[in-house]
Amino acid sequence: MSGQDRKQAIDAWKKRDVDAGIFAVRCRVTGAAWIGGWPDVDRVRNRIWFTLGQGSHPNRALQAAWRAHGADAFTCEVLERLEPCDGNWARDAQLKERAAFWRAQIDGAPL
């Protein structure tokens, strides 16, 4: 890949459409759920699975469940996609509000 091609690929990646949203990580064995919001909900699973696999996820309860039951016992699903809004502050406030709503609906722990 030439330098120009690389630059174009990077620019295209930066300009891609991303969907902010709310997601749930569930343990099929225990039925436990962890609910969170993320600015790029389609890619959050990779981030979480990587940190869990490395044993470095900050949520201790989720990390303990991962160690006890293994990766195959977990699923990640998108619960809600948010409409695009102006500015990161508004998006972050909306993510926080909707994540709290879904935690109450599902009786899930914060992530």
N, C-alpha and C. Protein backbone atom coordinates (compact mmCIF):
# COMPACT_ATOMS: atom_id res chain seq x y z
N MET A 1 0.86 -1.17 0.00
CA MET A 1 0.00 0.00 0.00
C MET A 1 0.90 1.23 0.00
N SER A 2 0.66 2.11 -0.93
CA SER A 2 1.46 3.33 -1.03
C SER A 2 1.05 4.31 0.08
N GLY A 3 1.88 5.31 0.27
CA GLY A 3 1.59 6.31 1.28
C GLY A 3 0.29 7.04 1.01
N GLN A 4 0.02 7.32 -0.26
CA GLN A 4 -1.22 8.00 -0.64
C GLN A 4 -2.44 7.12 -0.37
N ASP A 5 -2.33 5.83 -0.72
CA ASP A 5 -3.43 4.89 -0.47
C ASP A 5 -3.71 4.77 1.02
N ARG A 6 -2.64 4.73 1.79
CA ARG A 6 -2.78 4.63 3.25
C ARG A 6 -3.50 5.86 3.80
N LYS A 7 -3.10 7.03 3.33
CA LYS A 7 -3.73 8.26 3.79
C LYS A 7 -5.21 8.28 3.44
N GLN A 8 -5.56 7.85 2.24
CA GLN A 8 -6.96 7.80 1.83
C GLN A 8 -7.76 6.81 2.68
N ALA A 9 -7.14 5.67 2.99
CA ALA A 9 -7.82 4.68 3.83
C ALA A 9 -8.06 5.23 5.23
N ILE A 10 -7.09 5.93 5.77
CA ILE A 10 -7.24 6.53 7.10
C ILE A 10 -8.33 7.59 7.09
N ASP A 11 -8.34 8.43 6.06
CA ASP A 11 -9.37 9.47 5.95
C ASP A 11 -10.77 8.85 5.83
N ALA A 12 -10.88 7.79 5.05
CA ALA A 12 -12.18 7.12 4.90
C ALA A 12 -12.63 6.53 6.23
N TRP A 13 -11.70 5.95 6.98
CA TRP A 13 -12.05 5.36 8.28
C TRP A 13 -12.52 6.45 9.25
N LYS A 14 -11.86 7.59 9.25
CA LYS A 14 -12.24 8.68 10.15
C LYS A 14 -13.62 9.26 9.81
N LYS A 15 -14.00 9.19 8.53
CA LYS A 15 -15.26 9.78 8.09
C LYS A 15 -16.41 8.78 8.07
N ARG A 16 -16.17 7.55 8.49
CA ARG A 16 -17.21 6.52 8.46
C ARG A 16 -18.34 6.88 9.42
N ASP A 17 -19.51 6.40 9.13
CA ASP A 17 -20.65 6.60 10.02
C ASP A 17 -20.56 5.62 11.18
N VAL A 18 -20.75 6.13 12.38
CA VAL A 18 -20.77 5.28 13.56
C VAL A 18 -22.08 5.52 14.30
N ASP A 19 -22.57 4.48 14.93
CA ASP A 19 -23.81 4.57 15.69
C ASP A 19 -23.50 4.45 17.17
N ALA A 20 -23.87 5.46 17.93
CA ALA A 20 -23.80 5.36 19.37
C ALA A 20 -24.99 4.53 19.83
N GLY A 21 -24.81 3.82 20.93
CA GLY A 21 -25.93 3.02 21.40
C GLY A 21 -25.69 2.34 22.72
N ILE A 22 -26.69 1.60 23.12
CA ILE A 22 -26.68 0.87 24.38
C ILE A 22 -26.56 -0.62 24.06
N PHE A 23 -25.75 -1.31 24.85
CA PHE A 23 -25.52 -2.73 24.60
C PHE A 23 -25.59 -3.50 25.92
N ALA A 24 -25.77 -4.80 25.80
CA ALA A 24 -25.80 -5.68 26.97
C ALA A 24 -24.84 -6.84 26.74
N VAL A 25 -24.05 -7.13 27.75
CA VAL A 25 -23.22 -8.34 27.77
C VAL A 25 -23.93 -9.28 28.73
N ARG A 26 -24.24 -10.48 28.25
CA ARG A 26 -25.00 -11.43 29.07
C ARG A 26 -24.22 -12.73 29.24
N CYS A 27 -24.35 -13.30 30.42
CA CYS A 27 -23.79 -14.62 30.71
C CYS A 27 -24.94 -15.62 30.61
N ARG A 28 -24.82 -16.55 29.69
CA ARG A 28 -25.88 -17.55 29.50
C ARG A 28 -25.99 -18.51 30.68
N VAL A 29 -24.89 -18.72 31.40
CA VAL A 29 -24.89 -19.67 32.51
C VAL A 29 -25.64 -19.11 33.71
N THR A 30 -25.32 -17.87 34.09
CA THR A 30 -25.91 -17.29 35.30
C THR A 30 -27.11 -16.40 35.01
N GLY A 31 -27.25 -15.95 33.78
CA GLY A 31 -28.32 -15.02 33.44
C GLY A 31 -28.00 -13.57 33.77
N ALA A 32 -26.80 -13.32 34.29
CA ALA A 32 -26.40 -11.96 34.64
C ALA A 32 -26.23 -11.11 33.39
N ALA A 33 -26.51 -9.82 33.53
CA ALA A 33 -26.36 -8.89 32.41
C ALA A 33 -25.63 -7.64 32.88
N TRP A 34 -24.79 -7.12 32.02
CA TRP A 34 -24.09 -5.87 32.25
C TRP A 34 -24.46 -4.94 31.10
N ILE A 35 -24.89 -3.73 31.44
CA ILE A 35 -25.41 -2.79 30.45
C ILE A 35 -24.48 -1.58 30.37
N GLY A 36 -24.20 -1.15 29.15
CA GLY A 36 -23.36 0.02 28.96
C GLY A 36 -23.73 0.77 27.69
N GLY A 37 -23.17 1.94 27.55
CA GLY A 37 -23.34 2.74 26.35
C GLY A 37 -21.98 3.03 25.75
N TRP A 38 -21.93 3.15 24.43
CA TRP A 38 -20.65 3.39 23.77
C TRP A 38 -20.88 4.19 22.50
N PRO A 39 -19.94 5.09 22.16
CA PRO A 39 -20.11 5.92 20.97
C PRO A 39 -20.09 5.14 19.65
N ASP A 40 -19.47 3.97 19.64
CA ASP A 40 -19.41 3.14 18.43
C ASP A 40 -19.87 1.73 18.81
N VAL A 41 -21.17 1.56 18.94
CA VAL A 41 -21.75 0.34 19.50
C VAL A 41 -21.47 -0.91 18.66
N ASP A 42 -21.22 -0.74 17.37
CA ASP A 42 -20.95 -1.91 16.53
C ASP A 42 -19.58 -2.52 16.81
N ARG A 43 -18.70 -1.77 17.42
CA ARG A 43 -17.35 -2.27 17.66
C ARG A 43 -17.02 -2.48 19.14
N VAL A 44 -17.97 -2.26 20.01
CA VAL A 44 -17.69 -2.37 21.44
C VAL A 44 -17.40 -3.80 21.86
N ARG A 45 -18.02 -4.78 21.20
CA ARG A 45 -17.79 -6.18 21.58
C ARG A 45 -16.31 -6.54 21.49
N ASN A 46 -15.64 -6.13 20.42
CA ASN A 46 -14.22 -6.44 20.27
C ASN A 46 -13.41 -5.87 21.42
N ARG A 47 -13.72 -4.66 21.82
CA ARG A 47 -13.00 -4.01 22.92
C ARG A 47 -13.20 -4.79 24.23
N ILE A 48 -14.43 -5.14 24.51
CA ILE A 48 -14.73 -5.83 25.76
C ILE A 48 -14.13 -7.23 25.77
N TRP A 49 -14.31 -7.98 24.69
CA TRP A 49 -13.77 -9.34 24.63
C TRP A 49 -12.25 -9.34 24.75
N PHE A 50 -11.59 -8.34 24.17
CA PHE A 50 -10.14 -8.26 24.26
C PHE A 50 -9.70 -8.05 25.71
N THR A 51 -10.31 -7.08 26.40
CA THR A 51 -9.90 -6.82 27.78
C THR A 51 -10.25 -7.99 28.69
N LEU A 52 -11.37 -8.64 28.45
CA LEU A 52 -11.72 -9.81 29.25
C LEU A 52 -10.73 -10.95 29.00
N GLY A 53 -10.37 -11.15 27.75
CA GLY A 53 -9.42 -12.20 27.40
C GLY A 53 -8.04 -11.95 28.00
N GLN A 54 -7.68 -10.69 28.14
CA GLN A 54 -6.39 -10.33 28.74
C GLN A 54 -6.45 -10.34 30.27
N GLY A 55 -7.65 -10.46 30.82
CA GLY A 55 -7.80 -10.43 32.28
C GLY A 55 -7.68 -9.04 32.85
N SER A 56 -7.94 -8.03 32.03
CA SER A 56 -7.73 -6.65 32.47
C SER A 56 -8.99 -5.79 32.42
N HIS A 57 -10.15 -6.41 32.37
CA HIS A 57 -11.38 -5.61 32.32
C HIS A 57 -11.61 -4.95 33.67
N PRO A 58 -11.98 -3.67 33.70
CA PRO A 58 -12.15 -2.97 34.97
C PRO A 58 -13.36 -3.42 35.80
N ASN A 59 -14.34 -4.06 35.19
CA ASN A 59 -15.50 -4.54 35.95
C ASN A 59 -15.16 -5.91 36.53
N ARG A 60 -14.93 -5.95 37.82
CA ARG A 60 -14.45 -7.18 38.47
C ARG A 60 -15.46 -8.31 38.43
N ALA A 61 -16.73 -7.99 38.57
CA ALA A 61 -17.76 -9.04 38.55
C ALA A 61 -17.83 -9.68 37.17
N LEU A 62 -17.78 -8.88 36.13
CA LEU A 62 -17.80 -9.41 34.76
C LEU A 62 -16.54 -10.23 34.50
N GLN A 63 -15.39 -9.74 34.94
CA GLN A 63 -14.14 -10.47 34.73
C GLN A 63 -14.17 -11.81 35.47
N ALA A 64 -14.71 -11.83 36.67
CA ALA A 64 -14.81 -13.08 37.43
C ALA A 64 -15.74 -14.07 36.75
N ALA A 65 -16.85 -13.60 36.23
CA ALA A 65 -17.78 -14.48 35.52
C ALA A 65 -17.13 -15.02 34.25
N TRP A 66 -16.37 -14.20 33.56
CA TRP A 66 -15.66 -14.62 32.35
C TRP A 66 -14.66 -15.73 32.68
N ARG A 67 -13.93 -15.54 33.76
CA ARG A 67 -12.95 -16.57 34.15
C ARG A 67 -13.64 -17.87 34.55
N ALA A 68 -14.78 -17.75 35.20
CA ALA A 68 -15.48 -18.94 35.69
C ALA A 68 -16.16 -19.71 34.57
N HIS A 69 -16.70 -19.02 33.57
CA HIS A 69 -17.54 -19.69 32.57
C HIS A 69 -16.96 -19.69 31.15
N GLY A 70 -15.98 -18.85 30.87
CA GLY A 70 -15.35 -18.83 29.55
C GLY A 70 -16.10 -17.98 28.54
N ALA A 71 -15.41 -17.69 27.45
CA ALA A 71 -15.94 -16.79 26.42
C ALA A 71 -17.21 -17.30 25.77
N ASP A 72 -17.34 -18.60 25.62
CA ASP A 72 -18.51 -19.16 24.94
C ASP A 72 -19.81 -18.96 25.72
N ALA A 73 -19.71 -18.63 26.99
CA ALA A 73 -20.90 -18.43 27.81
C ALA A 73 -21.47 -17.01 27.69
N PHE A 74 -20.81 -16.14 26.92
CA PHE A 74 -21.20 -14.73 26.87
C PHE A 74 -21.69 -14.30 25.50
N THR A 75 -22.65 -13.38 25.52
CA THR A 75 -23.14 -12.76 24.29
C THR A 75 -23.11 -11.25 24.46
N CYS A 76 -23.08 -10.56 23.35
CA CYS A 76 -23.15 -9.10 23.36
C CYS A 76 -24.21 -8.69 22.35
N GLU A 77 -25.18 -7.93 22.80
CA GLU A 77 -26.25 -7.51 21.90
C GLU A 77 -26.49 -6.02 22.01
N VAL A 78 -26.85 -5.43 20.90
CA VAL A 78 -27.21 -4.01 20.86
C VAL A 78 -28.67 -3.90 21.28
N LEU A 79 -28.92 -3.10 22.30
CA LEU A 79 -30.28 -2.90 22.79
C LEU A 79 -30.96 -1.71 22.12
N GLU A 80 -30.17 -0.69 21.83
CA GLU A 80 -30.75 0.53 21.26
C GLU A 80 -29.67 1.32 20.53
N ARG A 81 -30.02 1.82 19.38
CA ARG A 81 -29.14 2.74 18.63
C ARG A 81 -29.71 4.15 18.80
N LEU A 82 -28.83 5.08 19.09
CA LEU A 82 -29.26 6.46 19.31
C LEU A 82 -29.22 7.25 18.02
N GLU A 83 -30.12 8.20 17.92
CA GLU A 83 -30.12 9.11 16.78
C GLU A 83 -28.88 10.00 16.87
N PRO A 84 -28.28 10.33 15.74
CA PRO A 84 -27.12 11.24 15.78
C PRO A 84 -27.52 12.57 16.41
N CYS A 85 -26.62 13.13 17.20
CA CYS A 85 -26.88 14.42 17.82
C CYS A 85 -25.64 15.29 17.70
N ASP A 86 -25.82 16.56 17.97
CA ASP A 86 -24.73 17.52 17.83
C ASP A 86 -23.85 17.49 19.07
N GLY A 87 -22.59 17.23 18.86
CA GLY A 87 -21.62 17.32 19.94
C GLY A 87 -21.50 16.08 20.80
N ASN A 88 -20.30 15.88 21.28
CA ASN A 88 -20.03 14.72 22.14
C ASN A 88 -20.71 14.83 23.49
N TRP A 89 -20.84 16.05 24.01
CA TRP A 89 -21.45 16.21 25.32
C TRP A 89 -22.90 15.73 25.30
N ALA A 90 -23.65 16.13 24.30
CA ALA A 90 -25.06 15.72 24.19
C ALA A 90 -25.16 14.21 24.00
N ARG A 91 -24.29 13.65 23.16
CA ARG A 91 -24.30 12.21 22.93
C ARG A 91 -23.98 11.46 24.22
N ASP A 92 -22.96 11.90 24.95
CA ASP A 92 -22.57 11.23 26.19
C ASP A 92 -23.68 11.29 27.24
N ALA A 93 -24.36 12.43 27.33
CA ALA A 93 -25.48 12.56 28.27
C ALA A 93 -26.61 11.62 27.89
N GLN A 94 -26.89 11.51 26.60
CA GLN A 94 -27.95 10.62 26.14
C GLN A 94 -27.56 9.15 26.39
N LEU A 95 -26.30 8.80 26.16
CA LEU A 95 -25.85 7.43 26.43
C LEU A 95 -26.02 7.08 27.91
N LYS A 96 -25.66 8.01 28.77
CA LYS A 96 -25.77 7.77 30.21
C LYS A 96 -27.24 7.58 30.62
N GLU A 97 -28.10 8.44 30.10
CA GLU A 97 -29.53 8.37 30.43
C GLU A 97 -30.16 7.06 29.94
N ARG A 98 -29.89 6.69 28.70
CA ARG A 98 -30.49 5.48 28.13
C ARG A 98 -29.91 4.21 28.76
N ALA A 99 -28.64 4.23 29.12
CA ALA A 99 -28.05 3.07 29.79
C ALA A 99 -28.73 2.85 31.14
N ALA A 100 -29.00 3.93 31.87
CA ALA A 100 -29.69 3.81 33.15
C ALA A 100 -31.10 3.25 32.95
N PHE A 101 -31.78 3.69 31.90
CA PHE A 101 -33.11 3.17 31.59
C PHE A 101 -33.05 1.66 31.36
N TRP A 102 -32.11 1.21 30.53
CA TRP A 102 -32.02 -0.22 30.20
C TRP A 102 -31.57 -1.05 31.40
N ARG A 103 -30.72 -0.49 32.26
CA ARG A 103 -30.33 -1.23 33.47
C ARG A 103 -31.55 -1.49 34.34
N ALA A 104 -32.44 -0.50 34.44
CA ALA A 104 -33.66 -0.67 35.22
C ALA A 104 -34.60 -1.69 34.56
N GLN A 105 -34.70 -1.67 33.24
CA GLN A 105 -35.59 -2.59 32.53
C GLN A 105 -35.14 -4.05 32.65
N ILE A 106 -33.84 -4.25 32.55
CA ILE A 106 -33.30 -5.61 32.49
C ILE A 106 -32.78 -6.08 33.85
N ASP A 107 -32.67 -5.16 34.79
CA ASP A 107 -32.05 -5.45 36.08
C ASP A 107 -30.59 -5.85 35.86
N GLY A 108 -29.90 -5.04 35.06
CA GLY A 108 -28.50 -5.31 34.75
C GLY A 108 -27.58 -4.42 35.55
N ALA A 109 -26.34 -4.84 35.63
CA ALA A 109 -25.30 -4.09 36.32
C ALA A 109 -24.67 -3.09 35.35
N PRO A 110 -24.14 -2.00 35.88
CA PRO A 110 -23.48 -1.04 34.99
C PRO A 110 -22.17 -1.60 34.44
N LEU A 111 -21.85 -1.17 33.25
CA LEU A 111 -20.60 -1.59 32.64
C LEU A 111 -19.81 -0.37 32.24
